[in-house]
Amino acid sequence: MSTTSGATPAGAARPMRADAQRNYAKLLSAASEAFLEHGADDVSLEEIARRAGVGIGTLYRHFPTRQALLEAVYLEQVEALRARADEALESGSPGEAFAAWLRALVGFSSTKRSLTSAMVATLGKDSEVMSKCSKLIRDSADSLLARAQQAGAVRADVNSIDLIRLVHGVSMVTEYAPGDPGQADRMLTLILDGLRPVS
């Protein structure tokens, strides 16, 4: 999900001009790709600015510190996941929507592990940003799970914390098996099979 529409970087008092919005979006995209490729701790801000096609001064105007950039990238990714949940809640099949969002959550957890680790190491897991992001994910899981349970697609004794922990486990395991790209999907399929109501 893009944060450029009316977006304002942390600490700004008014909406950005159109060119500033474009630069902000380019920097977020470049940082996200660089963090995915090299890890959140192993890429320089100069490299991110170069990828975005802007000067380092432009990067610092939007993100005065490396931490501000980490937080913005992480929050944007979580908000995109929440937007997918909102779309899934409008879909015709509660069970399929629930499964599709869980797959998106596995993908998010797997690709953002280094970013998450960097955030926790710097801010702590109970920081305002981490708490906000955790709540967004948990609220999305609550809504989709409740809808799937009401439709009889998921057993009634499951809660969202169970699901988030299972997904976290899948992402941790698959991190150590990079040569098996289908492993996460197979494991999630087993989880989804186990979530179905017992006949």
Protein backbone atom coordinates (compact mmCIF):
# COMPACT_ATOMS: atom_id res chain seq x y z
CA MET A 1 0.00 0.00 0.00
CA SER A 2 1.41 3.37 -0.91
CA THR A 3 1.72 5.99 1.79
CA THR A 4 2.16 8.82 -0.67
CA SER A 5 -1.43 10.06 -0.82
CA GLY A 6 -1.43 12.90 1.68
CA ALA A 7 1.50 11.22 3.37
CA THR A 8 3.61 13.15 5.83
CA PRO A 9 6.92 11.87 7.14
CA ALA A 10 7.44 11.55 10.87
CA GLY A 11 7.57 14.95 12.54
CA ALA A 12 6.27 16.94 9.54
CA ALA A 13 3.58 19.50 10.24
CA ARG A 14 1.86 19.66 6.86
CA PRO A 15 1.23 17.46 3.81
CA MET A 16 4.08 17.11 1.35
CA ARG A 17 4.21 18.64 -2.11
CA ALA A 18 3.73 16.25 -5.01
CA ASP A 19 7.45 16.02 -5.80
CA ALA A 20 8.26 15.39 -2.14
CA GLN A 21 5.62 12.67 -2.03
CA ARG A 22 7.21 10.99 -5.04
CA ASN A 23 10.65 11.11 -3.47
CA TYR A 24 9.28 9.77 -0.19
CA ALA A 25 7.64 6.84 -1.98
CA LYS A 26 10.80 6.13 -4.03
CA LEU A 27 12.92 6.11 -0.90
CA LEU A 28 10.56 3.71 0.90
CA SER A 29 10.52 1.38 -2.09
CA ALA A 30 14.29 1.47 -2.52
CA ALA A 31 14.87 0.89 1.21
CA SER A 32 12.43 -2.01 1.30
CA GLU A 33 14.14 -3.71 -1.66
CA ALA A 34 17.63 -3.09 -0.25
CA PHE A 35 16.70 -4.40 3.19
CA LEU A 36 15.24 -7.53 1.61
CA GLU A 37 18.35 -8.15 -0.49
CA HIS A 38 21.04 -7.33 2.06
CA GLY A 39 19.43 -7.16 5.50
CA ALA A 40 18.40 -4.05 7.38
CA ASP A 41 21.83 -3.60 8.97
CA ASP A 42 23.96 -4.21 5.87
CA VAL A 43 23.00 -1.47 3.44
CA SER A 44 24.10 2.15 3.59
CA LEU A 45 21.78 5.13 3.41
CA GLU A 46 23.85 6.37 0.48
CA GLU A 47 23.03 3.16 -1.40
CA ILE A 48 19.33 3.60 -0.69
CA ALA A 49 19.40 7.19 -1.94
CA ARG A 50 21.24 6.06 -5.09
CA ARG A 51 18.66 3.35 -5.76
CA ALA A 52 15.87 5.87 -5.29
CA GLY A 53 17.52 8.30 -7.70
CA VAL A 54 17.76 11.11 -5.16
CA GLY A 55 20.57 12.81 -3.27
CA ILE A 56 21.50 11.88 0.27
CA GLY A 57 20.26 15.29 1.41
CA THR A 58 16.77 14.43 0.15
CA LEU A 59 16.85 11.18 2.10
CA TYR A 60 17.81 13.01 5.29
CA ARG A 61 15.08 15.59 4.81
CA HIS A 62 12.51 12.80 4.90
CA PHE A 63 14.31 10.50 7.33
CA PRO A 64 16.67 12.36 9.68
CA THR A 65 17.99 9.05 11.08
CA ARG A 66 18.39 5.48 9.92
CA GLN A 67 15.90 4.50 12.60
CA ALA A 68 13.27 6.82 11.12
CA LEU A 69 13.67 5.08 7.76
CA LEU A 70 13.45 1.61 9.34
CA GLU A 71 10.25 2.59 11.13
CA ALA A 72 8.67 4.07 8.00
CA VAL A 73 9.43 0.99 5.88
CA TYR A 74 8.15 -1.38 8.55
CA LEU A 75 4.97 0.58 9.17
CA GLU A 76 4.24 0.85 5.44
CA GLN A 77 4.55 -2.93 5.04
CA VAL A 78 2.26 -3.58 8.01
CA GLU A 79 -0.30 -1.10 6.69
CA ALA A 80 -0.19 -2.87 3.32
CA LEU A 81 -0.91 -6.13 5.11
CA ARG A 82 -3.84 -4.49 6.92
CA ALA A 83 -5.17 -3.18 3.60
CA ARG A 84 -5.07 -6.73 2.21
CA ALA A 85 -7.08 -7.86 5.22
CA ASP A 86 -9.67 -5.12 4.57
CA GLU A 87 -9.97 -6.31 0.97
CA ALA A 88 -10.23 -9.93 2.08
CA LEU A 89 -13.09 -9.07 4.46
CA GLU A 90 -15.10 -7.95 1.42
CA SER A 91 -14.48 -11.14 -0.57
CA GLY A 92 -17.15 -13.77 -1.12
CA SER A 93 -15.53 -16.74 0.62
CA PRO A 94 -14.54 -16.22 4.29
CA GLY A 95 -12.46 -19.41 4.31
CA GLU A 96 -10.53 -18.57 1.16
CA ALA A 97 -10.02 -14.96 2.26
CA PHE A 98 -8.68 -16.14 5.61
CA ALA A 99 -6.26 -18.58 3.93
CA ALA A 100 -5.07 -15.98 1.41
CA TRP A 101 -4.32 -13.46 4.15
CA LEU A 102 -2.44 -16.05 6.20
CA ARG A 103 -0.28 -16.72 3.14
CA ALA A 104 0.36 -12.98 2.86
CA LEU A 105 1.29 -12.91 6.55
CA VAL A 106 3.76 -15.77 6.03
CA GLY A 107 5.29 -13.84 3.13
CA PHE A 108 5.55 -10.68 5.22
CA SER A 109 7.09 -12.53 8.16
CA SER A 110 9.63 -14.30 5.97
CA THR A 111 10.79 -11.26 4.00
CA LYS A 112 10.84 -8.78 6.90
CA ARG A 113 12.71 -10.82 9.49
CA SER A 114 15.92 -8.77 9.35
CA LEU A 115 13.94 -5.53 9.46
CA THR A 116 11.91 -6.77 12.43
CA SER A 117 15.06 -7.87 14.24
CA ALA A 118 16.68 -4.48 13.67
CA MET A 119 13.57 -2.70 14.95
CA VAL A 120 13.32 -4.85 18.09
CA ALA A 121 17.06 -4.50 18.78
CA THR A 122 16.84 -0.71 18.62
CA LEU A 123 13.39 0.04 19.99
CA GLY A 124 12.42 -3.05 21.97
CA LYS A 125 9.37 -5.17 21.27
CA ASP A 126 7.15 -2.99 23.49
CA SER A 127 7.94 0.31 21.75
CA GLU A 128 5.11 2.48 20.42
CA VAL A 129 5.86 1.62 16.79
CA MET A 130 6.15 -2.12 17.40
CA SER A 131 3.02 -2.12 19.56
CA LYS A 132 1.08 -0.24 16.89
CA CYS A 133 2.20 -2.66 14.17
CA SER A 134 1.46 -5.70 16.32
CA LYS A 135 -2.03 -4.37 17.01
CA LEU A 136 -2.71 -3.77 13.30
CA ILE A 137 -1.73 -7.35 12.50
CA ARG A 138 -3.65 -8.80 15.43
CA ASP A 139 -6.80 -6.81 14.64
CA SER A 140 -6.68 -8.01 11.03
CA ALA A 141 -6.23 -11.60 12.15
CA ASP A 142 -9.11 -11.24 14.64
CA SER A 143 -11.51 -9.95 12.00
CA LEU A 144 -10.68 -12.52 9.33
CA LEU A 145 -10.64 -15.38 11.81
CA ALA A 146 -14.01 -14.43 13.33
CA ARG A 147 -15.56 -14.23 9.86
CA ALA A 148 -14.14 -17.62 8.86
CA GLN A 149 -15.30 -19.19 12.11
CA GLN A 150 -18.82 -17.80 11.70
CA ALA A 151 -18.90 -19.34 8.24
CA GLY A 152 -17.84 -22.70 9.63
CA ALA A 153 -14.56 -22.68 7.70
CA VAL A 154 -12.28 -22.63 10.77
CA ARG A 155 -12.65 -24.49 14.05
CA ALA A 156 -14.01 -22.46 16.96
CA ASP A 157 -11.23 -23.15 19.45
CA VAL A 158 -8.57 -21.19 17.51
CA ASN A 159 -7.52 -17.65 18.38
CA SER A 160 -5.50 -15.06 16.50
CA ILE A 161 -2.50 -15.27 18.82
CA ASP A 162 -2.21 -18.99 17.99
CA LEU A 163 -2.24 -18.15 14.29
CA ILE A 164 0.35 -15.38 14.49
CA ARG A 165 2.68 -17.63 16.49
CA LEU A 166 2.26 -20.46 14.00
CA VAL A 167 3.07 -18.13 11.12
CA HIS A 168 6.10 -16.84 13.01
CA GLY A 169 7.23 -20.44 13.46
CA VAL A 170 6.89 -21.13 9.74
CA SER A 171 8.96 -18.07 8.84
CA MET A 172 11.67 -19.02 11.33
CA VAL A 173 11.91 -22.60 10.07
CA THR A 174 11.96 -21.67 6.39
CA GLU A 175 14.72 -19.11 7.02
CA TYR A 176 17.02 -22.08 7.58
CA ALA A 177 15.94 -23.87 4.40
CA PRO A 178 16.51 -21.28 1.65
CA GLY A 179 17.02 -24.04 -0.92
CA ASP A 180 13.42 -25.23 -0.51
CA PRO A 181 11.21 -22.34 -1.69
CA GLY A 182 8.03 -24.43 -1.46
CA GLN A 183 8.47 -25.32 2.20
CA ALA A 184 6.54 -22.36 3.64
CA ASP A 185 3.53 -23.06 1.43
CA ARG A 186 3.54 -26.76 2.33
CA MET A 187 3.74 -25.99 6.02
CA LEU A 188 0.95 -23.43 5.81
CA THR A 189 -1.22 -25.94 3.94
CA LEU A 190 -0.74 -28.37 6.84
CA ILE A 191 -1.72 -25.63 9.29
CA LEU A 192 -4.82 -24.73 7.29
CA ASP A 193 -5.83 -28.40 7.15
CA GLY A 194 -5.52 -28.55 10.94
CA LEU A 195 -7.68 -25.43 11.34
CA ARG A 196 -10.67 -26.95 9.57
CA PRO A 197 -13.57 -28.01 11.82
CA VAL A 198 -13.64 -31.67 12.70
CA SER A 199 -16.60 -33.36 11.02
